[in-house]
Amino acid sequence: MGLQYNIPTNIKDYENPQREYEEDVAVLEKEDEVYKIILWNDDVNTFDYVIDALVEICEHTLEQAEQCTFLVHYKGKCTVKTGSLEKLKPMHEKLLSRSLTSELV
Protein backbone atom coordinates (compact mmCIF):
# COMPACT_ATOMS: atom_id res chain seq x y z
CA MET A 1 0.00 0.00 0.00
CA GLY A 2 1.51 3.36 -1.04
CA LEU A 3 0.99 6.91 0.14
CA GLN A 4 -2.22 8.60 -0.87
CA TYR A 5 -2.40 12.26 -1.74
CA ASN A 6 -5.44 14.49 -1.68
CA ILE A 7 -5.28 16.46 -4.88
CA PRO A 8 -7.42 19.60 -4.75
CA THR A 9 -10.21 19.61 -7.30
CA ASN A 10 -11.01 23.30 -7.25
CA ILE A 11 -9.53 26.60 -6.08
CA LYS A 12 -11.58 26.67 -2.85
CA ASP A 13 -9.67 23.60 -1.66
CA TYR A 14 -6.48 25.69 -1.63
CA GLU A 15 -7.79 28.15 0.91
CA ASN A 16 -6.22 27.63 4.28
CA PRO A 17 -8.02 29.28 7.21
CA GLN A 18 -4.98 28.80 9.47
CA ARG A 19 -2.77 30.68 7.04
CA GLU A 20 -5.29 33.51 6.75
CA TYR A 21 -5.38 33.74 10.56
CA GLU A 22 -1.57 33.83 10.72
CA GLU A 23 -1.50 36.60 8.11
CA ASP A 24 -4.04 38.62 10.12
CA VAL A 25 -1.93 38.22 13.26
CA ALA A 26 1.20 39.27 11.35
CA VAL A 27 -0.56 42.44 10.19
CA LEU A 28 -1.65 43.24 13.75
CA GLU A 29 1.88 42.67 15.01
CA LYS A 30 3.25 45.00 12.35
CA GLU A 31 0.73 47.66 13.32
CA ASP A 32 1.84 47.30 16.94
CA GLU A 33 5.48 47.79 15.91
CA VAL A 34 5.04 51.12 14.13
CA TYR A 35 5.95 53.35 17.05
CA LYS A 36 9.34 55.03 17.22
CA ILE A 37 11.40 57.18 19.53
CA ILE A 38 12.95 60.18 17.85
CA LEU A 39 15.83 61.87 19.64
CA TRP A 40 16.32 65.57 18.87
CA ASN A 41 19.51 67.59 19.02
CA ASP A 42 20.10 70.05 21.83
CA ASP A 43 22.93 72.35 22.80
CA VAL A 44 23.12 71.09 26.38
CA ASN A 45 24.07 67.41 26.59
CA THR A 46 27.48 66.02 25.67
CA PHE A 47 28.09 63.23 23.20
CA ASP A 48 29.18 60.89 26.00
CA TYR A 49 26.07 61.65 28.05
CA VAL A 50 23.76 60.85 25.11
CA ILE A 51 25.72 57.72 24.17
CA ASP A 52 25.56 56.41 27.74
CA ALA A 53 21.80 57.06 27.89
CA LEU A 54 21.16 55.23 24.60
CA VAL A 55 23.19 52.23 25.74
CA GLU A 56 21.51 52.07 29.12
CA ILE A 57 17.94 53.01 28.24
CA CYS A 58 17.48 51.92 24.62
CA GLU A 59 19.71 48.84 24.85
CA HIS A 60 21.99 50.06 22.06
CA THR A 61 25.44 48.68 21.47
CA LEU A 62 28.18 51.27 21.86
CA GLU A 63 28.47 51.51 18.07
CA GLN A 64 24.71 52.02 17.59
CA ALA A 65 24.64 54.70 20.27
CA GLU A 66 27.60 56.53 18.74
CA GLN A 67 26.05 56.47 15.27
CA CYS A 68 22.70 57.73 16.54
CA THR A 69 24.40 60.47 18.51
CA PHE A 70 26.32 61.67 15.46
CA LEU A 71 23.14 61.63 13.37
CA VAL A 72 21.30 63.63 16.02
CA HIS A 73 24.14 66.16 16.12
CA TYR A 74 24.54 66.59 12.36
CA LYS A 75 20.98 65.97 11.10
CA GLY A 76 19.06 67.42 14.05
CA LYS A 77 17.22 64.22 14.92
CA CYS A 78 17.38 60.44 14.66
CA THR A 79 15.01 57.54 15.20
CA VAL A 80 16.75 55.69 18.03
CA LYS A 81 14.26 52.86 18.65
CA THR A 82 11.21 51.28 17.03
CA GLY A 83 8.75 48.84 18.52
CA SER A 84 5.50 48.52 20.38
CA LEU A 85 4.08 51.38 22.40
CA GLU A 86 4.24 49.19 25.50
CA LYS A 87 8.00 48.72 25.09
CA LEU A 88 8.88 52.25 23.98
CA LYS A 89 6.88 54.37 26.41
CA PRO A 90 9.08 53.60 29.45
CA MET A 91 12.23 54.21 27.37
CA HIS A 92 10.89 57.54 26.16
CA GLU A 93 10.03 58.60 29.71
CA LYS A 94 13.53 57.67 30.93
CA LEU A 95 15.13 59.69 28.12
CA LEU A 96 13.00 62.67 29.11
CA SER A 97 13.94 62.23 32.77
CA ARG A 98 17.57 62.57 31.68
CA SER A 99 16.78 65.94 30.06
CA LEU A 100 17.05 64.52 26.56
CA THR A 101 14.62 65.79 23.96
CA SER A 102 12.77 62.80 22.60
CA GLU A 103 9.45 62.24 20.93
CA LEU A 104 7.32 59.09 20.81
CA VAL A 105 5.41 58.81 17.54
PDB file of N, CA and C in Angstrom:
ATOM      1  N   MET A   1       0.847  -1.169   0.000  1.00  0.00           N
ATOM      2  CA  MET A   1       0.000   0.000   0.000  1.00  0.00           C
ATOM      3  C   MET A   1       0.899   1.241   0.000  1.00  0.00           C
ATOM      4  N   GLY A   2       0.704   2.147  -0.922  1.00  0.00           N
ATOM      5  CA  GLY A   2       1.513   3.356  -1.039  1.00  0.00           C
ATOM      6  C   GLY A   2       0.852   4.530  -0.365  1.00  0.00           C
ATOM      7  N   LEU A   3       1.527   5.679  -0.418  1.00  0.00           N
ATOM      8  CA  LEU A   3       0.986   6.912   0.141  1.00  0.00           C
ATOM      9  C   LEU A   3      -0.127   7.430  -0.741  1.00  0.00           C
ATOM     10  N   GLN A   4      -1.118   7.999  -0.124  1.00  0.00           N
ATOM     11  CA  GLN A   4      -2.218   8.596  -0.869  1.00  0.00           C
ATOM     12  C   GLN A   4      -2.163  10.107  -0.702  1.00  0.00           C
ATOM     13  N   TYR A   5      -2.412  10.809  -1.769  1.00  0.00           N
ATOM     14  CA  TYR A   5      -2.401  12.261  -1.744  1.00  0.00           C
ATOM     15  C   TYR A   5      -3.788  12.781  -2.060  1.00  0.00           C
ATOM     16  N   ASN A   6      -4.187  13.802  -1.349  1.00  0.00           N
ATOM     17  CA  ASN A   6      -5.439  14.488  -1.677  1.00  0.00           C
ATOM     18  C   ASN A   6      -5.109  15.601  -2.659  1.00  0.00           C
ATOM     19  N   ILE A   7      -5.530  15.452  -3.866  1.00  0.00           N
ATOM     20  CA  ILE A   7      -5.281  16.460  -4.880  1.00  0.00           C
ATOM     21  C   ILE A   7      -6.498  17.374  -4.932  1.00  0.00           C
ATOM     22  N   PRO A   8      -6.290  18.672  -4.730  1.00  0.00           N
ATOM     23  CA  PRO A   8      -7.418  19.598  -4.751  1.00  0.00           C
ATOM     24  C   PRO A   8      -8.112  19.577  -6.107  1.00  0.00           C
ATOM     25  N   THR A   9      -9.436  19.647  -6.070  1.00  0.00           N
ATOM     26  CA  THR A   9     -10.206  19.611  -7.304  1.00  0.00           C
ATOM     27  C   THR A   9     -10.699  20.981  -7.719  1.00  0.00           C
ATOM     28  N   ASN A  10     -10.662  21.945  -6.831  1.00  0.00           N
ATOM     29  CA  ASN A  10     -11.010  23.301  -7.246  1.00  0.00           C
ATOM     30  C   ASN A  10     -10.280  24.303  -6.361  1.00  0.00           C
ATOM     31  N   ILE A  11     -10.317  25.559  -6.747  1.00  0.00           N
ATOM     32  CA  ILE A  11      -9.533  26.598  -6.081  1.00  0.00           C
ATOM     33  C   ILE A  11      -9.907  26.772  -4.612  1.00  0.00           C
ATOM     34  N   LYS A  12     -11.151  26.527  -4.246  1.00  0.00           N
ATOM     35  CA  LYS A  12     -11.579  26.667  -2.847  1.00  0.00           C
ATOM     36  C   LYS A  12     -10.807  25.720  -1.931  1.00  0.00           C
ATOM     37  N   ASP A  13     -10.403  24.564  -2.466  1.00  0.00           N
ATOM     38  CA  ASP A  13      -9.671  23.596  -1.659  1.00  0.00           C
ATOM     39  C   ASP A  13      -8.290  24.122  -1.251  1.00  0.00           C
ATOM     40  N   TYR A  14      -7.792  25.139  -1.956  1.00  0.00           N
ATOM     41  CA  TYR A  14      -6.483  25.691  -1.631  1.00  0.00           C
ATOM     42  C   TYR A  14      -6.525  26.666  -0.468  1.00  0.00           C
ATOM     43  N   GLU A  15      -7.682  27.173  -0.170  1.00  0.00           N
ATOM     44  CA  GLU A  15      -7.790  28.146   0.909  1.00  0.00           C
ATOM     45  C   GLU A  15      -7.443  27.483   2.236  1.00  0.00           C
ATOM     46  N   ASN A  16      -6.685  28.178   3.011  1.00  0.00           N
ATOM     47  CA  ASN A  16      -6.215  27.634   4.277  1.00  0.00           C
ATOM     48  C   ASN A  16      -6.571  28.628   5.380  1.00  0.00           C
ATOM     49  N   PRO A  17      -7.609  28.340   6.146  1.00  0.00           N
ATOM     50  CA  PRO A  17      -8.018  29.278   7.205  1.00  0.00           C
ATOM     51  C   PRO A  17      -6.906  29.569   8.204  1.00  0.00           C
ATOM     52  N   GLN A  18      -6.078  28.581   8.522  1.00  0.00           N
ATOM     53  CA  GLN A  18      -4.984  28.798   9.474  1.00  0.00           C
ATOM     54  C   GLN A  18      -4.007  29.837   8.926  1.00  0.00           C
ATOM     55  N   ARG A  19      -3.695  29.732   7.638  1.00  0.00           N
ATOM     56  CA  ARG A  19      -2.768  30.683   7.041  1.00  0.00           C
ATOM     57  C   ARG A  19      -3.365  32.089   7.044  1.00  0.00           C
ATOM     58  N   GLU A  20      -4.648  32.199   6.728  1.00  0.00           N
ATOM     59  CA  GLU A  20      -5.292  33.508   6.751  1.00  0.00           C
ATOM     60  C   GLU A  20      -5.229  34.101   8.159  1.00  0.00           C
ATOM     61  N   TYR A  21      -5.456  33.293   9.171  1.00  0.00           N
ATOM     62  CA  TYR A  21      -5.379  33.744  10.556  1.00  0.00           C
ATOM     63  C   TYR A  21      -3.961  34.231  10.869  1.00  0.00           C
ATOM     64  N   GLU A  22      -2.959  33.455  10.464  1.00  0.00           N
ATOM     65  CA  GLU A  22      -1.574  33.834  10.722  1.00  0.00           C
ATOM     66  C   GLU A  22      -1.227  35.144  10.031  1.00  0.00           C
ATOM     67  N   GLU A  23      -1.750  35.350   8.819  1.00  0.00           N
ATOM     68  CA  GLU A  23      -1.497  36.601   8.114  1.00  0.00           C
ATOM     69  C   GLU A  23      -2.147  37.769   8.842  1.00  0.00           C
ATOM     70  N   ASP A  24      -3.364  37.567   9.363  1.00  0.00           N
ATOM     71  CA  ASP A  24      -4.038  38.622  10.122  1.00  0.00           C
ATOM     72  C   ASP A  24      -3.246  38.982  11.372  1.00  0.00           C
ATOM     73  N   VAL A  25      -2.732  37.979  12.061  1.00  0.00           N
ATOM     74  CA  VAL A  25      -1.930  38.219  13.262  1.00  0.00           C
ATOM     75  C   VAL A  25      -0.656  38.972  12.892  1.00  0.00           C
ATOM     76  N   ALA A  26      -0.022  38.590  11.789  1.00  0.00           N
ATOM     77  CA  ALA A  26       1.199  39.266  11.354  1.00  0.00           C
ATOM     78  C   ALA A  26       0.929  40.751  11.076  1.00  0.00           C
ATOM     79  N   VAL A  27      -0.206  41.056  10.472  1.00  0.00           N
ATOM     80  CA  VAL A  27      -0.558  42.444  10.193  1.00  0.00           C
ATOM     81  C   VAL A  27      -0.758  43.197  11.501  1.00  0.00           C
ATOM     82  N   LEU A  28      -1.444  42.591  12.458  1.00  0.00           N
ATOM     83  CA  LEU A  28      -1.650  43.238  13.753  1.00  0.00           C
ATOM     84  C   LEU A  28      -0.324  43.474  14.461  1.00  0.00           C
ATOM     85  N   GLU A  29       0.582  42.496  14.382  1.00  0.00           N
ATOM     86  CA  GLU A  29       1.885  42.670  15.012  1.00  0.00           C
ATOM     87  C   GLU A  29       2.645  43.807  14.360  1.00  0.00           C
ATOM     88  N   LYS A  30       2.569  43.916  13.036  1.00  0.00           N
ATOM     89  CA  LYS A  30       3.249  45.001  12.347  1.00  0.00           C
ATOM     90  C   LYS A  30       2.675  46.347  12.770  1.00  0.00           C
ATOM     91  N   GLU A  31       1.356  46.420  12.900  1.00  0.00           N
ATOM     92  CA  GLU A  31       0.732  47.664  13.324  1.00  0.00           C
ATOM     93  C   GLU A  31       1.163  48.030  14.733  1.00  0.00           C
ATOM     94  N   ASP A  32       1.403  47.052  15.572  1.00  0.00           N
ATOM     95  CA  ASP A  32       1.841  47.297  16.942  1.00  0.00           C
ATOM     96  C   ASP A  32       3.296  47.757  16.982  1.00  0.00           C
ATOM     97  N   GLU A  33       4.059  47.476  15.940  1.00  0.00           N
ATOM     98  CA  GLU A  33       5.481  47.793  15.911  1.00  0.00           C
ATOM     99  C   GLU A  33       5.789  49.115  15.216  1.00  0.00           C
ATOM    100  N   VAL A  34       4.796  49.927  14.923  1.00  0.00           N
ATOM    101  CA  VAL A  34       5.040  51.117  14.125  1.00  0.00           C
ATOM    102  C   VAL A  34       5.470  52.333  14.939  1.00  0.00           C
ATOM    103  N   TYR A  35       5.560  52.215  16.228  1.00  0.00           N
ATOM    104  CA  TYR A  35       5.954  53.348  17.051  1.00  0.00           C
ATOM    105  C   TYR A  35       7.470  53.524  17.013  1.00  0.00           C
ATOM    106  N   LYS A  36       7.903  54.780  17.201  1.00  0.00           N
ATOM    107  CA  LYS A  36       9.342  55.033  17.223  1.00  0.00           C
ATOM    108  C   LYS A  36       9.663  56.171  18.173  1.00  0.00           C
ATOM    109  N   ILE A  37      10.871  56.099  18.695  1.00  0.00           N
ATOM    110  CA  ILE A  37      11.400  57.183  19.531  1.00  0.00           C
ATOM    111  C   ILE A  37      12.350  57.987  18.660  1.00  0.00           C
ATOM    112  N   ILE A  38      12.070  59.277  18.584  1.00  0.00           N
ATOM    113  CA  ILE A  38      12.949  60.182  17.851  1.00  0.00           C
ATOM    114  C   ILE A  38      13.689  61.037  18.872  1.00  0.00           C
ATOM    115  N   LEU A  39      14.999  61.052  18.763  1.00  0.00           N
ATOM    116  CA  LEU A  39      15.829  61.872  19.641  1.00  0.00           C
ATOM    117  C   LEU A  39      16.228  63.124  18.875  1.00  0.00           C
ATOM    118  N   TRP A  40      16.043  64.272  19.502  1.00  0.00           N
ATOM    119  CA  TRP A  40      16.324  65.567  18.873  1.00  0.00           C
ATOM    120  C   TRP A  40      17.619  66.155  19.428  1.00  0.00           C
ATOM    121  N   ASN A  41      18.277  66.938  18.626  1.00  0.00           N
ATOM    122  CA  ASN A  41      19.514  67.594  19.024  1.00  0.00           C
ATOM    123  C   ASN A  41      19.221  68.701  20.039  1.00  0.00           C
ATOM    124  N   ASP A  42      20.161  68.909  20.923  1.00  0.00           N
ATOM    125  CA  ASP A  42      20.104  70.052  21.833  1.00  0.00           C
ATOM    126  C   ASP A  42      21.519  70.584  22.007  1.00  0.00           C
ATOM    127  N   ASP A  43      21.619  71.731  22.595  1.00  0.00           N
ATOM    128  CA  ASP A  43      22.930  72.350  22.803  1.00  0.00           C
ATOM    129  C   ASP A  43      23.410  72.185  24.239  1.00  0.00           C
ATOM    130  N   VAL A  44      22.830  71.235  24.956  1.00  0.00           N
ATOM    131  CA  VAL A  44      23.116  71.092  26.378  1.00  0.00           C
ATOM    132  C   VAL A  44      23.934  69.830  26.678  1.00  0.00           C
ATOM    133  N   ASN A  45      23.472  68.692  26.201  1.00  0.00           N
ATOM    134  CA  ASN A  45      24.069  67.413  26.587  1.00  0.00           C
ATOM    135  C   ASN A  45      25.283  67.055  25.735  1.00  0.00           C
ATOM    136  N   THR A  46      26.258  66.419  26.379  1.00  0.00           N
ATOM    137  CA  THR A  46      27.477  66.019  25.674  1.00  0.00           C
ATOM    138  C   THR A  46      27.258  64.719  24.902  1.00  0.00           C
ATOM    139  N   PHE A  47      28.155  64.464  23.965  1.00  0.00           N
ATOM    140  CA  PHE A  47      28.090  63.227  23.203  1.00  0.00           C
ATOM    141  C   PHE A  47      28.118  62.024  24.142  1.00  0.00           C
ATOM    142  N   ASP A  48      29.039  62.030  25.079  1.00  0.00           N
ATOM    143  CA  ASP A  48      29.177  60.891  25.997  1.00  0.00           C
ATOM    144  C   ASP A  48      27.918  60.669  26.825  1.00  0.00           C
ATOM    145  N   TYR A  49      27.292  61.742  27.261  1.00  0.00           N
ATOM    146  CA  TYR A  49      26.066  61.646  28.051  1.00  0.00           C
ATOM    147  C   TYR A  49      24.957  60.979  27.239  1.00  0.00           C
ATOM    148  N   VAL A  50      24.800  61.417  25.980  1.00  0.00           N
ATOM    149  CA  VAL A  50      23.763  60.854  25.109  1.00  0.00           C
ATOM    150  C   VAL A  50      24.075  59.397  24.786  1.00  0.00           C
ATOM    151  N   ILE A  51      25.315  59.100  24.479  1.00  0.00           N
ATOM    152  CA  ILE A  51      25.718  57.720  24.172  1.00  0.00           C
ATOM    153  C   ILE A  51      25.420  56.798  25.350  1.00  0.00           C
ATOM    154  N   ASP A  52      25.811  57.224  26.536  1.00  0.00           N
ATOM    155  CA  ASP A  52      25.556  56.413  27.735  1.00  0.00           C
ATOM    156  C   ASP A  52      24.058  56.173  27.938  1.00  0.00           C
ATOM    157  N   ALA A  53      23.248  57.204  27.720  1.00  0.00           N
ATOM    158  CA  ALA A  53      21.800  57.064  27.885  1.00  0.00           C
ATOM    159  C   ALA A  53      21.226  56.080  26.875  1.00  0.00           C
ATOM    160  N   LEU A  54      21.673  56.148  25.630  1.00  0.00           N
ATOM    161  CA  LEU A  54      21.163  55.234  24.600  1.00  0.00           C
ATOM    162  C   LEU A  54      21.558  53.787  24.887  1.00  0.00           C
ATOM    163  N   VAL A  55      22.758  53.586  25.390  1.00  0.00           N
ATOM    164  CA  VAL A  55      23.193  52.231  25.738  1.00  0.00           C
ATOM    165  C   VAL A  55      22.359  51.702  26.902  1.00  0.00           C
ATOM    166  N   GLU A  56      22.210  52.513  27.928  1.00  0.00           N
ATOM    167  CA  GLU A  56      21.506  52.074  29.125  1.00  0.00           C
ATOM    168  C   GLU A  56      19.994  51.955  28.918  1.00  0.00           C
ATOM    169  N   ILE A  57      19.397  52.952  28.325  1.00  0.00           N
ATOM    170  CA  ILE A  57      17.937  53.008  28.236  1.00  0.00           C
ATOM    171  C   ILE A  57      17.393  52.264  27.017  1.00  0.00           C
ATOM    172  N   CYS A  58      18.006  52.484  25.868  1.00  0.00           N
ATOM    173  CA  CYS A  58      17.480  51.918  24.617  1.00  0.00           C
ATOM    174  C   CYS A  58      18.152  50.609  24.219  1.00  0.00           C
ATOM    175  N   GLU A  59      19.031  50.127  25.068  1.00  0.00           N
ATOM    176  CA  GLU A  59      19.705  48.842  24.848  1.00  0.00           C
ATOM    177  C   GLU A  59      20.533  48.825  23.562  1.00  0.00           C
ATOM    178  N   HIS A  60      21.125  49.977  23.229  1.00  0.00           N
ATOM    179  CA  HIS A  60      21.986  50.059  22.059  1.00  0.00           C
ATOM    180  C   HIS A  60      23.348  49.452  22.367  1.00  0.00           C
ATOM    181  N   THR A  61      24.018  48.983  21.316  1.00  0.00           N
ATOM    182  CA  THR A  61      25.437  48.683  21.465  1.00  0.00           C
ATOM    183  C   THR A  61      26.157  50.025  21.478  1.00  0.00           C
ATOM    184  N   LEU A  62      27.414  50.027  21.856  1.00  0.00           N
ATOM    185  CA  LEU A  62      28.179  51.269  21.860  1.00  0.00           C
ATOM    186  C   LEU A  62      28.207  51.877  20.455  1.00  0.00           C
ATOM    187  N   GLU A  63      28.400  51.035  19.454  1.00  0.00           N
ATOM    188  CA  GLU A  63      28.468  51.515  18.073  1.00  0.00           C
ATOM    189  C   GLU A  63      27.141  52.135  17.621  1.00  0.00           C
ATOM    190  N   GLN A  64      26.032  51.474  17.951  1.00  0.00           N
ATOM    191  CA  GLN A  64      24.710  52.022  17.594  1.00  0.00           C
ATOM    192  C   GLN A  64      24.498  53.379  18.256  1.00  0.00           C
ATOM    193  N   ALA A  65      24.838  53.457  19.525  1.00  0.00           N
ATOM    194  CA  ALA A  65      24.641  54.699  20.273  1.00  0.00           C
ATOM    195  C   ALA A  65      25.495  55.825  19.696  1.00  0.00           C
ATOM    196  N   GLU A  66      26.730  55.514  19.335  1.00  0.00           N
ATOM    197  CA  GLU A  66      27.603  56.529  18.743  1.00  0.00           C
ATOM    198  C   GLU A  66      27.048  57.017  17.408  1.00  0.00           C
ATOM    199  N   GLN A  67      26.605  56.083  16.565  1.00  0.00           N
ATOM    200  CA  GLN A  67      26.055  56.465  15.267  1.00  0.00           C
ATOM    201  C   GLN A  67      24.815  57.339  15.418  1.00  0.00           C
ATOM    202  N   CYS A  68      23.909  56.935  16.313  1.00  0.00           N
ATOM    203  CA  CYS A  68      22.698  57.733  16.541  1.00  0.00           C
ATOM    204  C   CYS A  68      23.044  59.121  17.057  1.00  0.00           C
ATOM    205  N   THR A  69      24.005  59.188  17.940  1.00  0.00           N
ATOM    206  CA  THR A  69      24.404  60.472  18.511  1.00  0.00           C
ATOM    207  C   THR A  69      24.975  61.400  17.443  1.00  0.00           C
ATOM    208  N   PHE A  70      25.791  60.858  16.557  1.00  0.00           N
ATOM    209  CA  PHE A  70      26.325  61.674  15.455  1.00  0.00           C
ATOM    210  C   PHE A  70      25.211  62.122  14.518  1.00  0.00           C
ATOM    211  N   LEU A  71      24.266  61.249  14.219  1.00  0.00           N
ATOM    212  CA  LEU A  71      23.137  61.627  13.365  1.00  0.00           C
ATOM    213  C   LEU A  71      22.309  62.736  14.009  1.00  0.00           C
ATOM    214  N   VAL A  72      22.053  62.596  15.303  1.00  0.00           N
ATOM    215  CA  VAL A  72      21.300  63.634  16.021  1.00  0.00           C
ATOM    216  C   VAL A  72      22.039  64.966  15.927  1.00  0.00           C
ATOM    217  N   HIS A  73      23.344  64.926  16.126  1.00  0.00           N
ATOM    218  CA  HIS A  73      24.142  66.155  16.120  1.00  0.00           C
ATOM    219  C   HIS A  73      24.157  66.823  14.742  1.00  0.00           C
ATOM    220  N   TYR A  74      24.373  66.020  13.691  1.00  0.00           N
ATOM    221  CA  TYR A  74      24.540  66.594  12.355  1.00  0.00           C
ATOM    222  C   TYR A  74      23.244  66.739  11.563  1.00  0.00           C
ATOM    223  N   LYS A  75      22.245  65.900  11.841  1.00  0.00           N
ATOM    224  CA  LYS A  75      20.978  65.966  11.102  1.00  0.00           C
ATOM    225  C   LYS A  75      19.860  66.624  11.907  1.00  0.00           C
ATOM    226  N   GLY A  76      20.075  66.771  13.209  1.00  0.00           N
ATOM    227  CA  GLY A  76      19.064  67.417  14.050  1.00  0.00           C
ATOM    228  C   GLY A  76      18.156  66.450  14.784  1.00  0.00           C
ATOM    229  N   LYS A  77      18.056  65.227  14.260  1.00  0.00           N
ATOM    230  CA  LYS A  77      17.225  64.217  14.922  1.00  0.00           C
ATOM    231  C   LYS A  77      17.587  62.853  14.366  1.00  0.00           C
ATOM    232  N   CYS A  78      17.133  61.810  15.091  1.00  0.00           N
ATOM    233  CA  CYS A  78      17.380  60.441  14.665  1.00  0.00           C
ATOM    234  C   CYS A  78      16.370  59.522  15.347  1.00  0.00           C
ATOM    235  N   THR A  79      15.840  58.571  14.597  1.00  0.00           N
ATOM    236  CA  THR A  79      15.011  57.536  15.202  1.00  0.00           C
ATOM    237  C   THR A  79      15.950  56.579  15.929  1.00  0.00           C
ATOM    238  N   VAL A  80      15.815  56.495  17.239  1.00  0.00           N
ATOM    239  CA  VAL A  80      16.745  55.688  18.027  1.00  0.00           C
ATOM    240  C   VAL A  80      16.180  54.325  18.418  1.00  0.00           C
ATOM    241  N   LYS A  81      14.855  54.150  18.285  1.00  0.00           N
ATOM    242  CA  LYS A  81      14.263  52.863  18.645  1.00  0.00           C
ATOM    243  C   LYS A  81      12.891  52.757  18.000  1.00  0.00           C
ATOM    244  N   THR A  82      12.550  51.555  17.531  1.00  0.00           N
ATOM    245  CA  THR A  82      11.210  51.278  17.030  1.00  0.00           C
ATOM    246  C   THR A  82      10.667  50.066  17.768  1.00  0.00           C
ATOM    247  N   GLY A  83       9.358  49.986  17.848  1.00  0.00           N
ATOM    248  CA  GLY A  83       8.752  48.844  18.517  1.00  0.00           C
ATOM    249  C   GLY A  83       7.338  49.157  18.960  1.00  0.00           C
ATOM    250  N   SER A  84       6.861  48.352  19.874  1.00  0.00           N
ATOM    251  CA  SER A  84       5.500  48.521  20.376  1.00  0.00           C
ATOM    252  C   SER A  84       5.449  49.699  21.348  1.00  0.00           C
ATOM    253  N   LEU A  85       4.279  50.275  21.467  1.00  0.00           N
ATOM    254  CA  LEU A  85       4.081  51.381  22.396  1.00  0.00           C
ATOM    255  C   LEU A  85       4.406  50.942  23.823  1.00  0.00           C
ATOM    256  N   GLU A  86       4.002  49.735  24.152  1.00  0.00           N
ATOM    257  CA  GLU A  86       4.243  49.195  25.499  1.00  0.00           C
ATOM    258  C   GLU A  86       5.733  49.150  25.836  1.00  0.00           C
ATOM    259  N   LYS A  87       6.559  48.809  24.864  1.00  0.00           N
ATOM    260  CA  LYS A  87       8.002  48.720  25.090  1.00  0.00           C
ATOM    261  C   LYS A  87       8.675  50.097  25.068  1.00  0.00           C
ATOM    262  N   LEU A  88       8.199  50.974  24.176  1.00  0.00           N
ATOM    263  CA  LEU A  88       8.882  52.250  23.977  1.00  0.00           C
ATOM    264  C   LEU A  88       8.521  53.331  24.988  1.00  0.00           C
ATOM    265  N   LYS A  89       7.309  53.294  25.501  1.00  0.00           N
ATOM    266  CA  LYS A  89       6.877  54.375  26.408  1.00  0.00           C
ATOM    267  C   LYS A  89       7.801  54.524  27.625  1.00  0.00           C
ATOM    268  N   PRO A  90       8.168  53.436  28.312  1.00  0.00           N
ATOM    269  CA  PRO A  90       9.083  53.602  29.454  1.00  0.00           C
ATOM    270  C   PRO A  90      10.460  54.132  29.032  1.00  0.00           C
ATOM    271  N   MET A  91      10.938  53.709  27.862  1.00  0.00           N
ATOM    272  CA  MET A  91      12.228  54.207  27.375  1.00  0.00           C
ATOM    273  C   MET A  91      12.158  55.705  27.109  1.00  0.00           C
ATOM    274  N   HIS A  92      11.093  56.119  26.458  1.00  0.00           N
ATOM    275  CA  HIS A  92      10.886  57.538  26.159  1.00  0.00           C
ATOM    276  C   HIS A  92      10.859  58.360  27.449  1.00  0.00           C
ATOM    277  N   GLU A  93      10.130  57.880  28.445  1.00  0.00           N
ATOM    278  CA  GLU A  93      10.034  58.601  29.712  1.00  0.00           C
ATOM    279  C   GLU A  93      11.392  58.692  30.410  1.00  0.00           C
ATOM    280  N   LYS A  94      12.192  57.633  30.316  1.00  0.00           N
ATOM    281  CA  LYS A  94      13.528  57.666  30.927  1.00  0.00           C
ATOM    282  C   LYS A  94      14.442  58.652  30.200  1.00  0.00           C
ATOM    283  N   LEU A  95      14.329  58.712  28.858  1.00  0.00           N
ATOM    284  CA  LEU A  95      15.127  59.691  28.118  1.00  0.00           C
ATOM    285  C   LEU A  95      14.743  61.102  28.535  1.00  0.00           C
ATOM    286  N   LEU A  96      13.455  61.354  28.666  1.00  0.00           N
ATOM    287  CA  LEU A  96      12.996  62.673  29.109  1.00  0.00           C
ATOM    288  C   LEU A  96      13.494  62.991  30.515  1.00  0.00           C
ATOM    289  N   SER A  97      13.489  61.997  31.394  1.00  0.00           N
ATOM    290  CA  SER A  97      13.941  62.230  32.769  1.00  0.00           C
ATOM    291  C   SER A  97      15.435  62.564  32.832  1.00  0.00           C
ATOM    292  N   ARG A  98      16.142  62.225  31.762  1.00  0.00           N
ATOM    293  CA  ARG A  98      17.571  62.571  31.680  1.00  0.00           C
ATOM    294  C   ARG A  98      17.787  63.895  30.931  1.00  0.00           C
ATOM    295  N   SER A  99      16.730  64.636  30.746  1.00  0.00           N
ATOM    296  CA  SER A  99      16.780  65.937  30.057  1.00  0.00           C
ATOM    297  C   SER A  99      17.157  65.821  28.582  1.00  0.00           C
ATOM    298  N   LEU A 100      16.864  64.676  27.990  1.00  0.00           N
ATOM    299  CA  LEU A 100      17.051  64.520  26.559  1.00  0.00           C
ATOM    300  C   LEU A 100      15.735  64.849  25.868  1.00  0.00           C
ATOM    301  N   THR A 101      15.822  65.412  24.696  1.00  0.00           N
ATOM    302  CA  THR A 101      14.622  65.793  23.959  1.00  0.00           C
ATOM    303  C   THR A 101      14.247  64.655  23.032  1.00  0.00           C
ATOM    304  N   SER A 102      13.227  63.921  23.424  1.00  0.00           N
ATOM    305  CA  SER A 102      12.766  62.796  22.599  1.00  0.00           C
ATOM    306  C   SER A 102      11.271  62.903  22.371  1.00  0.00           C
ATOM    307  N   GLU A 103      10.852  62.218  21.338  1.00  0.00           N
ATOM    308  CA  GLU A 103       9.452  62.237  20.935  1.00  0.00           C
ATOM    309  C   GLU A 103       9.037  60.810  20.632  1.00  0.00           C
ATOM    310  N   LEU A 104       7.858  60.428  21.068  1.00  0.00           N
ATOM    311  CA  LEU A 104       7.320  59.089  20.806  1.00  0.00           C
ATOM    312  C   LEU A 104       6.191  59.238  19.784  1.00  0.00           C
ATOM    313  N   VAL A 105       6.412  58.689  18.612  1.00  0.00           N
ATOM    314  CA  VAL A 105       5.407  58.812  17.541  1.00  0.00           C
ATOM    315  C   VAL A 105       5.063  57.448  16.964  1.00  0.00           C
TER     316      VAL A 105
END
